[in-house]
Amino acid sequence: MTDPRRVKKLIAVLAISFCWCYLTGEWQHDQKKAIKIKKHGRLSMSLFRYGLDYVQMAIQRLIGFGKKLIAVLAISFCWCYLTGEWQHDQKKAIKIKKHGRLSMSLFRYGLDYVQMAIQRLIGFGKKEEFKEILAILRRQNPDRIRVL
Protein backbone atom coordinates (compact mmCIF):
# COMPACT_ATOMS: atom_id res chain seq x y z
CA MET A 1 0.00 0.00 0.00
CA THR A 2 1.94 2.96 -1.30
CA ASP A 3 -0.73 5.28 -2.65
CA PRO A 4 -0.77 8.32 -0.30
CA ARG A 5 -4.52 8.88 -0.76
CA ARG A 6 -5.33 5.34 0.31
CA VAL A 7 -3.00 5.55 3.30
CA LYS A 8 -4.63 8.83 4.29
CA LYS A 9 -8.11 7.28 4.12
CA LEU A 10 -6.97 4.27 6.12
CA ILE A 11 -5.50 6.48 8.85
CA ALA A 12 -8.71 8.52 8.94
CA VAL A 13 -10.83 5.37 9.35
CA LEU A 14 -8.51 4.07 12.08
CA ALA A 15 -8.62 7.41 13.92
CA ILE A 16 -12.43 7.47 13.80
CA SER A 17 -12.57 3.84 14.99
CA PHE A 18 -10.19 4.55 17.85
CA CYS A 19 -12.19 7.61 18.94
CA TRP A 20 -15.44 5.67 18.71
CA CYS A 21 -14.11 2.83 20.88
CA TYR A 22 -12.45 5.18 23.38
CA LEU A 23 -15.57 7.33 23.79
CA THR A 24 -17.75 4.22 24.07
CA GLY A 25 -15.44 2.89 26.79
CA GLU A 26 -15.57 6.23 28.59
CA TRP A 27 -19.37 6.24 28.38
CA GLN A 28 -19.53 2.65 29.62
CA HIS A 29 -17.22 3.50 32.53
CA ASP A 30 -19.25 6.58 33.52
CA GLN A 31 -22.81 5.41 32.85
CA LYS A 32 -22.99 1.63 32.92
CA LYS A 33 -20.37 -0.33 34.83
CA ALA A 34 -17.17 1.25 36.12
CA ILE A 35 -13.87 -0.47 35.44
CA LYS A 36 -12.13 -1.78 38.56
CA ILE A 37 -9.22 0.27 39.83
CA LYS A 38 -6.09 -1.66 40.82
CA LYS A 39 -4.04 -1.02 43.98
CA HIS A 40 -1.59 1.22 42.13
CA GLY A 41 -4.48 3.52 41.11
CA ARG A 42 -4.78 2.65 37.42
CA LEU A 43 -7.72 1.07 35.66
CA SER A 44 -7.57 -2.70 35.20
CA MET A 45 -8.49 -2.26 31.54
CA SER A 46 -7.99 0.68 29.18
CA LEU A 47 -11.03 2.73 28.19
CA PHE A 48 -10.28 1.91 24.57
CA ARG A 49 -10.33 -1.85 25.24
CA TYR A 50 -13.52 -1.54 27.29
CA GLY A 51 -15.20 0.34 24.44
CA LEU A 52 -13.82 -2.03 21.80
CA ASP A 53 -15.30 -5.03 23.62
CA TYR A 54 -18.67 -3.27 23.81
CA VAL A 55 -18.62 -2.29 20.11
CA GLN A 56 -17.65 -5.85 19.10
CA MET A 57 -20.50 -7.28 21.16
CA ALA A 58 -22.98 -4.80 19.64
CA ILE A 59 -21.87 -5.67 16.09
CA GLN A 60 -22.15 -9.40 16.79
CA ARG A 61 -25.70 -8.89 18.03
CA LEU A 62 -26.54 -6.96 14.85
CA ILE A 63 -25.18 -9.77 12.71
CA GLY A 64 -27.65 -12.11 14.38
CA PHE A 65 -30.47 -9.87 13.28
CA GLY A 66 -29.00 -9.55 9.78
CA LYS A 67 -31.37 -11.93 8.02
CA LYS A 68 -34.41 -10.28 9.55
CA LEU A 69 -33.06 -6.85 8.68
CA ILE A 70 -32.44 -7.90 5.06
CA ALA A 71 -35.99 -9.27 4.86
CA VAL A 72 -37.48 -6.04 6.20
CA LEU A 73 -35.36 -3.97 3.80
CA ALA A 74 -36.38 -6.17 0.85
CA ILE A 75 -40.07 -5.84 1.69
CA SER A 76 -39.66 -2.07 2.16
CA PHE A 77 -37.89 -1.76 -1.18
CA CYS A 78 -40.59 -3.74 -2.98
CA TRP A 79 -43.32 -1.71 -1.28
CA CYS A 80 -41.75 1.59 -2.32
CA TYR A 81 -41.08 0.37 -5.86
CA LEU A 82 -44.62 -0.94 -6.33
CA THR A 83 -46.05 2.28 -4.86
CA GLY A 84 -43.95 4.31 -7.31
CA GLU A 85 -45.09 2.14 -10.18
CA TRP A 86 -48.73 2.45 -9.11
CA GLN A 87 -48.41 6.19 -8.69
CA HIS A 88 -46.76 6.53 -12.12
CA ASP A 89 -49.54 4.50 -13.77
CA GLN A 90 -52.58 5.67 -11.80
CA LYS A 91 -51.95 9.12 -10.38
CA LYS A 92 -49.29 11.32 -11.93
CA ALA A 93 -46.79 10.03 -14.46
CA ILE A 94 -43.11 10.84 -13.99
CA LYS A 95 -41.71 13.14 -16.65
CA ILE A 96 -39.53 11.51 -19.29
CA LYS A 97 -36.26 13.27 -20.10
CA LYS A 98 -34.88 13.88 -23.60
CA HIS A 99 -32.75 10.72 -23.51
CA GLY A 100 -35.87 8.64 -22.83
CA ARG A 101 -35.39 7.84 -19.16
CA LEU A 102 -37.59 8.82 -16.24
CA SER A 103 -36.55 11.94 -14.38
CA MET A 104 -36.92 10.04 -11.09
CA SER A 105 -36.70 6.34 -10.29
CA LEU A 106 -39.91 4.49 -9.51
CA PHE A 107 -38.43 3.52 -6.16
CA ARG A 108 -37.77 7.16 -5.22
CA TYR A 109 -41.22 8.21 -6.40
CA GLY A 110 -42.80 5.52 -4.24
CA LEU A 111 -40.51 6.21 -1.27
CA ASP A 112 -41.52 9.86 -1.22
CA TYR A 113 -45.20 8.90 -1.33
CA VAL A 114 -44.91 6.22 1.38
CA GLN A 115 -43.01 8.64 3.60
CA MET A 116 -45.65 11.34 3.09
CA ALA A 117 -48.49 8.88 3.81
CA ILE A 118 -46.83 7.69 7.04
CA GLN A 119 -46.23 11.27 8.17
CA ARG A 120 -49.87 12.17 7.50
CA LEU A 121 -51.01 9.05 9.35
CA ILE A 122 -48.90 9.89 12.41
CA GLY A 123 -49.40 13.64 12.38
CA PHE A 124 -52.99 14.06 11.29
CA GLY A 125 -54.53 10.62 11.61
CA LYS A 126 -55.27 10.41 7.87
CA LYS A 127 -55.65 6.70 7.20
CA GLU A 128 -56.96 6.76 3.62
CA GLU A 129 -53.64 7.21 1.81
CA PHE A 130 -51.89 4.72 4.07
CA LYS A 131 -54.60 2.09 3.49
CA GLU A 132 -54.31 2.74 -0.23
CA ILE A 133 -50.57 2.04 -0.32
CA LEU A 134 -50.94 -0.97 1.99
CA ALA A 135 -53.37 -2.42 -0.54
CA ILE A 136 -50.59 -2.27 -3.14
CA LEU A 137 -48.71 -4.98 -1.22
CA ARG A 138 -51.76 -7.23 -1.27
CA ARG A 139 -52.24 -7.13 -5.05
CA GLN A 140 -51.34 -10.27 -6.93
CA ASN A 141 -49.94 -9.76 -10.42
CA PRO A 142 -47.06 -12.25 -10.65
CA ASP A 143 -46.96 -12.43 -14.46
CA ARG A 144 -46.71 -8.72 -15.21
CA ILE A 145 -43.51 -7.33 -16.70
CA ARG A 146 -42.75 -3.62 -16.60
CA VAL A 147 -41.23 -2.10 -19.73
CA LEU A 148 -40.37 1.59 -19.85
C-alpha atoms as a PDB file:
ATOM      1  CA  MET A   1       0.000   0.000   0.000  1.00  0.00           C
ATOM      2  CA  THR A   2       1.941   2.958  -1.299  1.00  0.00           C
ATOM      3  CA  ASP A   3      -0.730   5.283  -2.650  1.00  0.00           C
ATOM      4  CA  PRO A   4      -0.773   8.323  -0.303  1.00  0.00           C
ATOM      5  CA  ARG A   5      -4.522   8.885  -0.760  1.00  0.00           C
ATOM      6  CA  ARG A   6      -5.331   5.337   0.313  1.00  0.00           C
ATOM      7  CA  VAL A   7      -3.003   5.553   3.297  1.00  0.00           C
ATOM      8  CA  LYS A   8      -4.631   8.834   4.286  1.00  0.00           C
ATOM      9  CA  LYS A   9      -8.115   7.282   4.117  1.00  0.00           C
ATOM     10  CA  LEU A  10      -6.975   4.267   6.120  1.00  0.00           C
ATOM     11  CA  ILE A  11      -5.500   6.476   8.845  1.00  0.00           C
ATOM     12  CA  ALA A  12      -8.714   8.517   8.944  1.00  0.00           C
ATOM     13  CA  VAL A  13     -10.828   5.366   9.351  1.00  0.00           C
ATOM     14  CA  LEU A  14      -8.511   4.072  12.083  1.00  0.00           C
ATOM     15  CA  ALA A  15      -8.619   7.408  13.917  1.00  0.00           C
ATOM     16  CA  ILE A  16     -12.430   7.466  13.802  1.00  0.00           C
ATOM     17  CA  SER A  17     -12.568   3.839  14.988  1.00  0.00           C
ATOM     18  CA  PHE A  18     -10.185   4.551  17.845  1.00  0.00           C
ATOM     19  CA  CYS A  19     -12.189   7.609  18.944  1.00  0.00           C
ATOM     20  CA  TRP A  20     -15.443   5.674  18.711  1.00  0.00           C
ATOM     21  CA  CYS A  21     -14.108   2.833  20.880  1.00  0.00           C
ATOM     22  CA  TYR A  22     -12.454   5.184  23.385  1.00  0.00           C
ATOM     23  CA  LEU A  23     -15.571   7.334  23.790  1.00  0.00           C
ATOM     24  CA  THR A  24     -17.745   4.221  24.071  1.00  0.00           C
ATOM     25  CA  GLY A  25     -15.440   2.887  26.791  1.00  0.00           C
ATOM     26  CA  GLU A  26     -15.568   6.228  28.593  1.00  0.00           C
ATOM     27  CA  TRP A  27     -19.374   6.242  28.377  1.00  0.00           C
ATOM     28  CA  GLN A  28     -19.528   2.645  29.622  1.00  0.00           C
ATOM     29  CA  HIS A  29     -17.224   3.499  32.526  1.00  0.00           C
ATOM     30  CA  ASP A  30     -19.247   6.577  33.523  1.00  0.00           C
ATOM     31  CA  GLN A  31     -22.806   5.414  32.852  1.00  0.00           C
ATOM     32  CA  LYS A  32     -22.991   1.626  32.924  1.00  0.00           C
ATOM     33  CA  LYS A  33     -20.374  -0.328  34.834  1.00  0.00           C
ATOM     34  CA  ALA A  34     -17.171   1.253  36.123  1.00  0.00           C
ATOM     35  CA  ILE A  35     -13.865  -0.468  35.444  1.00  0.00           C
ATOM     36  CA  LYS A  36     -12.130  -1.782  38.561  1.00  0.00           C
ATOM     37  CA  ILE A  37      -9.220   0.271  39.835  1.00  0.00           C
ATOM     38  CA  LYS A  38      -6.094  -1.657  40.818  1.00  0.00           C
ATOM     39  CA  LYS A  39      -4.041  -1.020  43.976  1.00  0.00           C
ATOM     40  CA  HIS A  40      -1.591   1.219  42.132  1.00  0.00           C
ATOM     41  CA  GLY A  41      -4.485   3.519  41.114  1.00  0.00           C
ATOM     42  CA  ARG A  42      -4.785   2.654  37.422  1.00  0.00           C
ATOM     43  CA  LEU A  43      -7.718   1.075  35.657  1.00  0.00           C
ATOM     44  CA  SER A  44      -7.566  -2.699  35.199  1.00  0.00           C
ATOM     45  CA  MET A  45      -8.485  -2.256  31.538  1.00  0.00           C
ATOM     46  CA  SER A  46      -7.987   0.676  29.183  1.00  0.00           C
ATOM     47  CA  LEU A  47     -11.025   2.734  28.191  1.00  0.00           C
ATOM     48  CA  PHE A  48     -10.277   1.911  24.569  1.00  0.00           C
ATOM     49  CA  ARG A  49     -10.330  -1.849  25.243  1.00  0.00           C
ATOM     50  CA  TYR A  50     -13.523  -1.542  27.294  1.00  0.00           C
ATOM     51  CA  GLY A  51     -15.203   0.341  24.436  1.00  0.00           C
ATOM     52  CA  LEU A  52     -13.820  -2.032  21.803  1.00  0.00           C
ATOM     53  CA  ASP A  53     -15.304  -5.031  23.619  1.00  0.00           C
ATOM     54  CA  TYR A  54     -18.673  -3.273  23.806  1.00  0.00           C
ATOM     55  CA  VAL A  55     -18.620  -2.290  20.110  1.00  0.00           C
ATOM     56  CA  GLN A  56     -17.649  -5.855  19.101  1.00  0.00           C
ATOM     57  CA  MET A  57     -20.500  -7.277  21.159  1.00  0.00           C
ATOM     58  CA  ALA A  58     -22.978  -4.801  19.636  1.00  0.00           C
ATOM     59  CA  ILE A  59     -21.867  -5.665  16.089  1.00  0.00           C
ATOM     60  CA  GLN A  60     -22.154  -9.401  16.792  1.00  0.00           C
ATOM     61  CA  ARG A  61     -25.703  -8.886  18.029  1.00  0.00           C
ATOM     62  CA  LEU A  62     -26.541  -6.957  14.852  1.00  0.00           C
ATOM     63  CA  ILE A  63     -25.178  -9.767  12.708  1.00  0.00           C
ATOM     64  CA  GLY A  64     -27.646 -12.114  14.382  1.00  0.00           C
ATOM     65  CA  PHE A  65     -30.475  -9.866  13.278  1.00  0.00           C
ATOM     66  CA  GLY A  66     -28.998  -9.550   9.785  1.00  0.00           C
ATOM     67  CA  LYS A  67     -31.373 -11.932   8.024  1.00  0.00           C
ATOM     68  CA  LYS A  68     -34.410 -10.285   9.551  1.00  0.00           C
ATOM     69  CA  LEU A  69     -33.057  -6.850   8.680  1.00  0.00           C
ATOM     70  CA  ILE A  70     -32.438  -7.897   5.058  1.00  0.00           C
ATOM     71  CA  ALA A  71     -35.989  -9.271   4.856  1.00  0.00           C
ATOM     72  CA  VAL A  72     -37.483  -6.037   6.200  1.00  0.00           C
ATOM     73  CA  LEU A  73     -35.357  -3.975   3.800  1.00  0.00           C
ATOM     74  CA  ALA A  74     -36.381  -6.172   0.854  1.00  0.00           C
ATOM     75  CA  ILE A  75     -40.073  -5.839   1.688  1.00  0.00           C
ATOM     76  CA  SER A  76     -39.659  -2.071   2.157  1.00  0.00           C
ATOM     77  CA  PHE A  77     -37.892  -1.764  -1.183  1.00  0.00           C
ATOM     78  CA  CYS A  78     -40.594  -3.737  -2.975  1.00  0.00           C
ATOM     79  CA  TRP A  79     -43.318  -1.706  -1.276  1.00  0.00           C
ATOM     80  CA  CYS A  80     -41.746   1.591  -2.324  1.00  0.00           C
ATOM     81  CA  TYR A  81     -41.079   0.373  -5.863  1.00  0.00           C
ATOM     82  CA  LEU A  82     -44.623  -0.939  -6.328  1.00  0.00           C
ATOM     83  CA  THR A  83     -46.045   2.283  -4.859  1.00  0.00           C
ATOM     84  CA  GLY A  84     -43.953   4.315  -7.305  1.00  0.00           C
ATOM     85  CA  GLU A  85     -45.090   2.135 -10.183  1.00  0.00           C
ATOM     86  CA  TRP A  86     -48.731   2.451  -9.108  1.00  0.00           C
ATOM     87  CA  GLN A  87     -48.414   6.189  -8.686  1.00  0.00           C
ATOM     88  CA  HIS A  88     -46.761   6.527 -12.118  1.00  0.00           C
ATOM     89  CA  ASP A  89     -49.539   4.497 -13.773  1.00  0.00           C
ATOM     90  CA  GLN A  90     -52.584   5.669 -11.800  1.00  0.00           C
ATOM     91  CA  LYS A  91     -51.948   9.118 -10.378  1.00  0.00           C
ATOM     92  CA  LYS A  92     -49.288  11.322 -11.930  1.00  0.00           C
ATOM     93  CA  ALA A  93     -46.789  10.032 -14.458  1.00  0.00           C
ATOM     94  CA  ILE A  94     -43.106  10.837 -13.989  1.00  0.00           C
ATOM     95  CA  LYS A  95     -41.708  13.140 -16.651  1.00  0.00           C
ATOM     96  CA  ILE A  96     -39.531  11.513 -19.288  1.00  0.00           C
ATOM     97  CA  LYS A  97     -36.259  13.270 -20.103  1.00  0.00           C
ATOM     98  CA  LYS A  98     -34.879  13.879 -23.605  1.00  0.00           C
ATOM     99  CA  HIS A  99     -32.752  10.721 -23.508  1.00  0.00           C
ATOM    100  CA  GLY A 100     -35.872   8.644 -22.832  1.00  0.00           C
ATOM    101  CA  ARG A 101     -35.392   7.837 -19.156  1.00  0.00           C
ATOM    102  CA  LEU A 102     -37.586   8.816 -16.242  1.00  0.00           C
ATOM    103  CA  SER A 103     -36.547  11.945 -14.377  1.00  0.00           C
ATOM    104  CA  MET A 104     -36.916  10.039 -11.085  1.00  0.00           C
ATOM    105  CA  SER A 105     -36.705   6.341 -10.291  1.00  0.00           C
ATOM    106  CA  LEU A 106     -39.912   4.488  -9.515  1.00  0.00           C
ATOM    107  CA  PHE A 107     -38.431   3.524  -6.163  1.00  0.00           C
ATOM    108  CA  ARG A 108     -37.766   7.156  -5.220  1.00  0.00           C
ATOM    109  CA  TYR A 109     -41.217   8.207  -6.401  1.00  0.00           C
ATOM    110  CA  GLY A 110     -42.802   5.520  -4.242  1.00  0.00           C
ATOM    111  CA  LEU A 111     -40.507   6.206  -1.271  1.00  0.00           C
ATOM    112  CA  ASP A 112     -41.520   9.858  -1.220  1.00  0.00           C
ATOM    113  CA  TYR A 113     -45.203   8.896  -1.332  1.00  0.00           C
ATOM    114  CA  VAL A 114     -44.915   6.224   1.378  1.00  0.00           C
ATOM    115  CA  GLN A 115     -43.008   8.642   3.605  1.00  0.00           C
ATOM    116  CA  MET A 116     -45.647  11.339   3.094  1.00  0.00           C
ATOM    117  CA  ALA A 117     -48.487   8.882   3.810  1.00  0.00           C
ATOM    118  CA  ILE A 118     -46.834   7.694   7.036  1.00  0.00           C
ATOM    119  CA  GLN A 119     -46.229  11.273   8.172  1.00  0.00           C
ATOM    120  CA  ARG A 120     -49.869  12.166   7.501  1.00  0.00           C
ATOM    121  CA  LEU A 121     -51.010   9.049   9.351  1.00  0.00           C
ATOM    122  CA  ILE A 122     -48.899   9.890  12.406  1.00  0.00           C
ATOM    123  CA  GLY A 123     -49.398  13.644  12.384  1.00  0.00           C
ATOM    124  CA  PHE A 124     -52.994  14.064  11.289  1.00  0.00           C
ATOM    125  CA  GLY A 125     -54.534  10.617  11.615  1.00  0.00           C
ATOM    126  CA  LYS A 126     -55.273  10.407   7.866  1.00  0.00           C
ATOM    127  CA  LYS A 127     -55.655   6.703   7.204  1.00  0.00           C
ATOM    128  CA  GLU A 128     -56.959   6.755   3.623  1.00  0.00           C
ATOM    129  CA  GLU A 129     -53.641   7.215   1.806  1.00  0.00           C
ATOM    130  CA  PHE A 130     -51.893   4.724   4.074  1.00  0.00           C
ATOM    131  CA  LYS A 131     -54.598   2.092   3.490  1.00  0.00           C
ATOM    132  CA  GLU A 132     -54.311   2.737  -0.231  1.00  0.00           C
ATOM    133  CA  ILE A 133     -50.569   2.044  -0.320  1.00  0.00           C
ATOM    134  CA  LEU A 134     -50.935  -0.971   1.990  1.00  0.00           C
ATOM    135  CA  ALA A 135     -53.370  -2.424  -0.538  1.00  0.00           C
ATOM    136  CA  ILE A 136     -50.585  -2.273  -3.136  1.00  0.00           C
ATOM    137  CA  LEU A 137     -48.707  -4.981  -1.215  1.00  0.00           C
ATOM    138  CA  ARG A 138     -51.762  -7.231  -1.266  1.00  0.00           C
ATOM    139  CA  ARG A 139     -52.244  -7.125  -5.053  1.00  0.00           C
ATOM    140  CA  GLN A 140     -51.340 -10.267  -6.929  1.00  0.00           C
ATOM    141  CA  ASN A 141     -49.938  -9.759 -10.425  1.00  0.00           C
ATOM    142  CA  PRO A 142     -47.064 -12.254 -10.645  1.00  0.00           C
ATOM    143  CA  ASP A 143     -46.961 -12.432 -14.459  1.00  0.00           C
ATOM    144  CA  ARG A 144     -46.705  -8.718 -15.215  1.00  0.00           C
ATOM    145  CA  ILE A 145     -43.510  -7.331 -16.702  1.00  0.00           C
ATOM    146  CA  ARG A 146     -42.754  -3.620 -16.603  1.00  0.00           C
ATOM    147  CA  VAL A 147     -41.229  -2.096 -19.726  1.00  0.00           C
ATOM    148  CA  LEU A 148     -40.367   1.586 -19.847  1.00  0.00           C
END
